[in-house]
C-alpha cells in the first residue's frame, strides 16, 4: 500500500502593511528613524551638557602635544594678523586712510577665524567621527554645534588678547563694547547653521573637506578682513550690484559689527544700511535653515 506524502501549502509572506501593524501593536519602531522636528530639538536640548563637555575636551586636547599648549589659541590668529599686516598693510598699502589699522585688522582676523574654523570643523563633523556616530545613539546635530561652541570658546580666549591690543593702540573702553555680545551671538547662530549644512554635505561627499579651504580663502579676500569695504565702495566706478553684494556679505557684516562695537574710530556711517537686520536675517536663514537641512538626513549619517 503506497503512502502519499502531503506537503503543506506554501504560505505567502506577510505584506509590509501587516508587518507595520504588527510592529505598532507591540510598540516597535524603526531603528535609527528620524524623529519629528520638535522631538529632535528636545533630544538635542537634553544633551546640552554633552555638547558643552565635548567642545571643551576638544579645545583642551587641540594643542596638548605643543610645548606652549593653549597659548597657541591666541598666538595662531595673532601670527596670521602679523602676516596680513606685512603683506596687505605695508606692501599693498591697505592701511592708508584706515584709522587704527592694527586694531581694525586684528579684529577682522579674529572674527573671520571664528567663521572659517567653524565651517571647516563642521565639514568634518560627521565624516571625521564615524566611530562615535555608529557606536552611540544621539542627535547628530550635537557634533557640528559642539565644534562651533569649541571655536567660540577659542575666540573668547583671543578676545582677551584683542582687548590688550586695543588698549595698547589707544582705543578707549566704551559703552559700545557691550554690542559685541549680540554680534557674537548672531555670528555663532550663523556659523552653527553653516556648519550643519557643511556637515551633511561632507558626510555624503568627504572630498568637500579638501575643497573648502580654497572656497574659504576666496571668501576671506572679499570680506574686508584686511581692507575697508566702505573705502572701496565709496568710489564712483564701483557698480551698485557689487557694492550691495560686498556690504551684505555675512562674514563682512559680522566683522564690521564687531569693529563698530570695539573701535571708536569705526563709526556708524561705515556700516551698511539696516546692518543689524541683515545680521539677524543671515543668522536666522543659516541657523534655522541649516538645522532643518541637517535634520532631514538624520537617519542617513554613519550608514553606507
Protein backbone atom coordinates (compact mmCIF):
# COMPACT_ATOMS: atom_id res chain seq x y z
CA UNK A 1 0.00 0.00 0.00
CA UNK A 2 1.56 3.23 -1.09
CA UNK A 3 1.82 6.25 1.07
CA UNK A 4 1.07 9.68 -0.29
CA UNK A 5 3.11 12.47 1.20
CA UNK A 6 1.15 15.66 1.56
CA UNK A 7 3.25 18.84 1.65
CA UNK A 8 1.79 21.81 3.46
CA UNK A 9 0.53 24.54 1.18
CA UNK A 10 3.01 27.41 0.75
CA UNK A 11 2.31 30.38 2.92
CA UNK A 12 2.63 33.83 1.48
CA UNK A 13 4.93 36.34 3.12
CA UNK A 14 3.12 38.92 5.21
CA UNK A 15 2.58 42.22 3.50
CA UNK A 16 4.50 45.28 4.52
CA UNK A 17 1.34 46.75 5.95
CA UNK A 18 0.80 43.68 8.13
CA UNK A 19 4.38 43.90 9.41
CA UNK A 20 3.97 47.59 10.19
CA UNK A 21 0.72 46.88 12.03
CA UNK A 22 2.34 44.02 13.95
CA UNK A 23 5.28 46.23 14.96
CA UNK A 24 2.98 49.04 16.02
CA UNK A 25 0.85 46.61 18.07
CA UNK A 26 3.91 45.53 20.02
CA UNK A 27 5.37 49.03 20.42
CA UNK A 28 8.24 48.53 17.99
CA UNK A 29 9.74 51.31 15.86
CA UNK A 30 12.33 51.58 13.10
CA UNK A 31 15.87 51.65 14.47
CA UNK A 32 17.57 54.97 13.76
CA UNK A 33 14.45 56.55 12.27
CA UNK A 34 14.40 60.33 12.08
CA UNK A 35 12.36 61.83 14.94
CA UNK A 36 9.97 64.68 14.40
CA UNK A 37 11.50 68.15 14.45
CA UNK A 38 10.11 69.07 17.94
CA UNK A 39 11.32 65.73 19.34
CA UNK A 40 14.72 66.29 17.74
CA UNK A 41 15.02 69.71 19.38
CA UNK A 42 14.09 68.20 22.76
CA UNK A 43 16.66 65.41 22.35
CA UNK A 44 19.31 67.95 21.44
CA UNK A 45 18.50 70.11 24.46
CA UNK A 46 18.66 67.04 26.72
CA UNK A 47 22.26 66.52 25.56
CA UNK A 48 23.37 70.11 26.09
CA UNK A 49 25.79 69.02 28.82
CA UNK A 50 27.40 66.52 26.45
CA UNK A 51 27.75 69.25 23.79
CA UNK A 52 29.47 71.60 26.24
CA UNK A 53 31.76 68.89 27.66
CA UNK A 54 32.67 67.57 24.19
CA UNK A 55 33.58 71.03 22.89
CA UNK A 56 35.68 71.80 25.97
CA UNK A 57 37.50 68.48 25.71
CA UNK A 58 38.25 69.09 22.03
CA UNK A 59 39.57 72.56 22.80
CA UNK A 60 41.79 71.27 25.61
CA UNK A 61 43.26 68.46 23.51
CA UNK A 62 43.80 70.60 20.40
CA UNK A 63 47.26 71.82 21.45
CA UNK A 64 48.04 69.17 24.08
CA UNK A 65 51.13 68.00 22.17
CA UNK A 66 52.59 71.50 21.80
CA UNK A 67 55.02 72.82 24.40
CA UNK A 68 53.24 76.16 24.60
CA UNK A 69 49.90 74.39 24.92
CA UNK A 70 46.83 76.62 24.99
CA UNK A 71 48.93 79.71 24.26
CA UNK A 72 48.57 78.78 20.59
CA UNK A 73 44.87 79.58 20.83
CA UNK A 74 45.91 83.24 20.92
CA UNK A 75 49.21 83.03 19.05
CA UNK A 76 47.77 81.47 15.88
CA UNK A 77 45.39 84.34 14.96
CA UNK A 78 47.96 86.90 16.12
CA UNK A 79 50.61 85.45 13.80
CA UNK A 80 48.08 85.44 10.95
CA UNK A 81 47.34 89.10 11.66
CA UNK A 82 51.07 89.90 11.64
CA UNK A 83 51.48 88.25 8.22
CA UNK A 84 48.46 90.10 6.80
CA UNK A 85 49.76 93.40 8.21
CA UNK A 86 53.10 92.90 6.48
CA UNK A 87 51.63 91.88 3.12
CA UNK A 88 48.45 93.94 2.90
CA UNK A 89 49.01 96.80 5.32
CA UNK A 90 52.61 97.65 4.38
CA UNK A 91 53.40 96.13 0.98
CA UNK A 92 49.98 96.71 -0.61
CA UNK A 93 49.20 99.85 1.38
CA UNK A 94 45.67 98.94 2.52
CA UNK A 95 46.28 100.69 5.84
CA UNK A 96 46.33 104.13 4.18
CA UNK A 97 43.23 106.06 5.14
CA UNK A 98 42.11 103.48 7.73
CA UNK A 99 42.33 104.83 11.32
CA UNK A 100 43.53 102.39 13.99
CA UNK A 101 44.56 99.93 11.29
CA UNK A 102 46.15 97.38 13.64
CA UNK A 103 43.00 97.05 15.84
CA UNK A 104 40.96 97.14 12.61
CA UNK A 105 43.00 94.25 11.15
CA UNK A 106 43.26 92.13 14.30
CA UNK A 107 39.52 92.38 14.93
CA UNK A 108 38.82 91.29 11.36
CA UNK A 109 41.23 88.36 11.58
CA UNK A 110 39.83 87.10 14.91
CA UNK A 111 36.19 87.35 13.82
CA UNK A 112 36.88 85.80 10.42
CA UNK A 113 38.84 82.93 12.01
CA UNK A 114 35.76 82.13 14.11
CA UNK A 115 33.63 81.68 10.99
CA UNK A 116 36.33 79.91 8.99
CA UNK A 117 37.19 77.39 11.72
CA UNK A 118 33.52 76.69 12.49
CA UNK A 119 32.76 75.83 8.87
CA UNK A 120 35.92 73.75 8.41
CA UNK A 121 35.34 71.73 11.57
CA UNK A 122 31.65 71.37 10.72
CA UNK A 123 32.52 69.91 7.31
CA UNK A 124 34.31 67.02 9.04
CA UNK A 125 31.92 66.76 11.99
CA UNK A 126 30.24 63.57 10.72
CA UNK A 127 32.79 62.11 8.32
CA UNK A 128 35.61 62.55 10.83
CA UNK A 129 33.69 61.00 13.75
CA UNK A 130 32.10 57.93 12.17
CA UNK A 131 33.16 55.70 15.06
CA UNK A 132 31.23 57.86 17.52
CA UNK A 133 28.26 58.23 15.18
CA UNK A 134 27.96 54.46 14.62
CA UNK A 135 28.58 53.45 18.22
CA UNK A 136 26.22 55.76 20.10
CA UNK A 137 22.67 56.95 19.60
CA UNK A 138 22.32 60.73 19.94
CA UNK A 139 21.09 63.62 17.77
CA UNK A 140 23.87 64.08 15.23
CA UNK A 141 23.46 67.86 15.19
CA UNK A 142 25.25 67.79 18.54
CA UNK A 143 28.54 67.30 16.70
CA UNK A 144 28.63 70.38 14.41
CA UNK A 145 27.14 72.51 17.19
CA UNK A 146 29.79 71.35 19.65
CA UNK A 147 32.55 72.16 17.16
CA UNK A 148 31.13 75.67 16.74
CA UNK A 149 30.99 76.03 20.51
CA UNK A 150 34.64 74.99 20.63
CA UNK A 151 35.53 77.75 18.17
CA UNK A 152 33.50 80.26 20.19
CA UNK A 153 35.47 79.36 23.32
CA UNK A 154 38.70 79.79 21.39
CA UNK A 155 37.53 83.20 20.15
CA UNK A 156 36.82 84.28 23.72
CA UNK A 157 40.44 83.45 24.62
CA UNK A 158 41.56 85.52 21.63
CA UNK A 159 39.33 88.41 22.67
CA UNK A 160 41.43 88.81 25.81
CA UNK A 161 44.46 89.46 23.60
CA UNK A 162 42.35 91.74 21.40
CA UNK A 163 41.42 93.92 24.40
CA UNK A 164 45.11 94.32 25.25
CA UNK A 165 45.86 95.33 21.64
CA UNK A 166 43.01 97.85 21.62
CA UNK A 167 44.22 99.48 24.82
CA UNK A 168 47.85 99.44 23.66
CA UNK A 169 46.96 101.34 20.48
CA UNK A 170 44.94 103.93 22.36
CA UNK A 171 41.40 102.67 21.73
CA UNK A 172 39.42 103.66 24.84
CA UNK A 173 36.98 101.43 26.70
CA UNK A 174 33.46 102.46 25.68
CA UNK A 175 29.88 101.52 26.39
CA UNK A 176 29.58 100.28 22.81
CA UNK A 177 31.73 97.27 23.75
CA UNK A 178 28.59 95.56 25.08
CA UNK A 179 27.34 95.39 21.47
CA UNK A 180 29.97 92.71 20.91
CA UNK A 181 27.75 90.26 22.84
CA UNK A 182 24.71 90.30 20.49
CA UNK A 183 27.04 90.45 17.49
CA UNK A 184 28.81 87.28 18.65
CA UNK A 185 25.51 85.52 19.38
CA UNK A 186 24.25 86.28 15.88
CA UNK A 187 27.53 85.15 14.35
CA UNK A 188 27.51 81.94 16.40
CA UNK A 189 24.00 81.15 15.14
CA UNK A 190 25.10 81.79 11.56
CA UNK A 191 28.27 79.71 11.98
CA UNK A 192 26.37 76.80 13.56
CA UNK A 193 23.88 76.77 10.70
CA UNK A 194 26.64 76.82 8.10
CA UNK A 195 28.48 74.06 9.99
CA UNK A 196 25.37 71.85 9.92
CA UNK A 197 24.89 72.46 6.20
CA UNK A 198 28.50 71.54 5.50
CA UNK A 199 28.34 68.57 7.91
CA UNK A 200 25.54 66.99 5.86
CA UNK A 201 27.32 67.71 2.59
CA UNK A 202 30.64 66.44 3.98
CA UNK A 203 29.02 63.26 5.28
CA UNK A 204 27.80 62.42 1.77
CA UNK A 205 30.83 63.71 -0.14
CA UNK A 206 34.00 63.72 2.02
CA UNK A 207 36.01 65.33 -0.79
CA UNK A 208 34.27 68.62 0.03
CA UNK A 209 36.62 68.91 3.01
CA UNK A 210 39.54 69.21 0.57
CA UNK A 211 37.79 71.93 -1.43
CA UNK A 212 36.60 74.12 1.45
CA UNK A 213 39.97 75.77 2.30
CA UNK A 214 40.10 77.25 -1.22
CA UNK A 215 36.46 78.43 -1.02
CA UNK A 216 37.00 79.98 2.40
CA UNK A 217 40.22 81.69 1.33
CA UNK A 218 38.37 83.34 -1.55
CA UNK A 219 35.54 84.33 0.79
CA UNK A 220 38.05 85.90 3.18
CA UNK A 221 39.54 88.12 0.47
CA UNK A 222 36.12 89.63 -0.37
CA UNK A 223 35.03 90.06 3.26
CA UNK A 224 37.09 93.12 4.18
CA UNK A 225 39.32 91.34 6.67
CA UNK A 226 42.44 93.22 5.58
CA UNK A 227 40.88 96.22 3.84
CA UNK A 228 37.98 98.63 4.29
CA UNK A 229 34.83 97.77 2.34
CA UNK A 230 33.46 101.27 3.00
CA UNK A 231 36.55 102.86 1.49
CA UNK A 232 36.35 100.66 -1.63
CA UNK A 233 32.60 101.00 -2.22
CA UNK A 234 32.74 104.81 -1.87
CA UNK A 235 34.48 105.05 -5.24
CA UNK A 236 32.33 106.17 -8.15
CA UNK A 237 33.42 103.40 -10.55
CA UNK A 238 32.10 100.59 -8.31
CA UNK A 239 28.91 99.01 -9.78
CA UNK A 240 25.94 99.20 -7.41
CA UNK A 241 25.33 95.44 -7.50
CA UNK A 242 28.92 94.78 -6.41
CA UNK A 243 28.59 97.33 -3.61
CA UNK A 244 25.41 95.67 -2.32
CA UNK A 245 26.98 92.20 -2.53
CA UNK A 246 30.08 93.28 -0.60
CA UNK A 247 28.07 95.06 2.09
CA UNK A 248 25.57 92.19 2.52
CA UNK A 249 28.28 89.54 2.68
CA UNK A 250 27.53 87.82 6.03
CA UNK A 251 31.19 87.46 7.03
CA UNK A 252 31.76 91.17 6.37
CA UNK A 253 28.59 92.10 8.27
CA UNK A 254 29.71 90.35 11.46
CA UNK A 255 33.26 91.68 11.14
CA UNK A 256 32.03 95.26 10.74
CA UNK A 257 29.61 94.91 13.64
CA UNK A 258 32.46 93.83 15.90
CA UNK A 259 34.65 96.69 14.67
CA UNK A 260 31.83 99.15 15.30
CA UNK A 261 31.39 97.79 18.83
CA UNK A 262 35.08 97.84 19.80
CA UNK A 263 36.83 100.58 17.79
CA UNK A 264 35.70 104.15 18.38
CA UNK A 265 37.12 105.39 15.06
CA UNK A 266 34.94 102.89 13.16
CA UNK A 267 31.70 104.88 13.09
CA UNK A 268 28.13 104.03 12.11
CA UNK A 269 28.49 105.67 8.71
CA UNK A 270 30.84 102.88 7.65
CA UNK A 271 28.18 100.23 8.25
CA UNK A 272 25.72 99.20 5.53
CA UNK A 273 22.09 100.35 5.98
CA UNK A 274 19.99 98.19 8.35
CA UNK A 275 23.10 96.23 9.36
CA UNK A 276 21.53 94.66 12.46
CA UNK A 277 18.55 93.43 10.43
CA UNK A 278 20.93 91.98 7.85
CA UNK A 279 22.92 90.23 10.60
CA UNK A 280 19.71 88.86 12.14
CA UNK A 281 18.45 87.73 8.74
CA UNK A 282 21.64 85.81 7.95
CA UNK A 283 21.60 84.22 11.41
CA UNK A 284 18.01 83.03 11.05
CA UNK A 285 18.44 81.91 7.45
CA UNK A 286 21.59 79.88 8.14
CA UNK A 287 20.72 78.82 11.69
CA UNK A 288 17.13 77.65 11.18
CA UNK A 289 17.57 76.59 7.56
CA UNK A 290 20.81 74.73 8.28
CA UNK A 291 19.27 72.94 11.26
CA UNK A 292 16.28 71.72 9.24
CA UNK A 293 18.52 70.76 6.31
CA UNK A 294 20.73 68.69 8.63
CA UNK A 295 17.76 67.11 10.46
CA UNK A 296 16.19 65.87 7.22
CA UNK A 297 19.14 63.49 6.68
CA UNK A 298 19.45 62.40 10.32
CA UNK A 299 18.82 58.69 9.65
CA UNK A 300 21.50 58.52 6.92
CA UNK A 301 24.53 59.61 8.98
CA UNK A 302 27.03 56.84 9.58
CA UNK A 303 25.42 54.43 7.15
CA UNK A 304 26.76 53.08 3.90
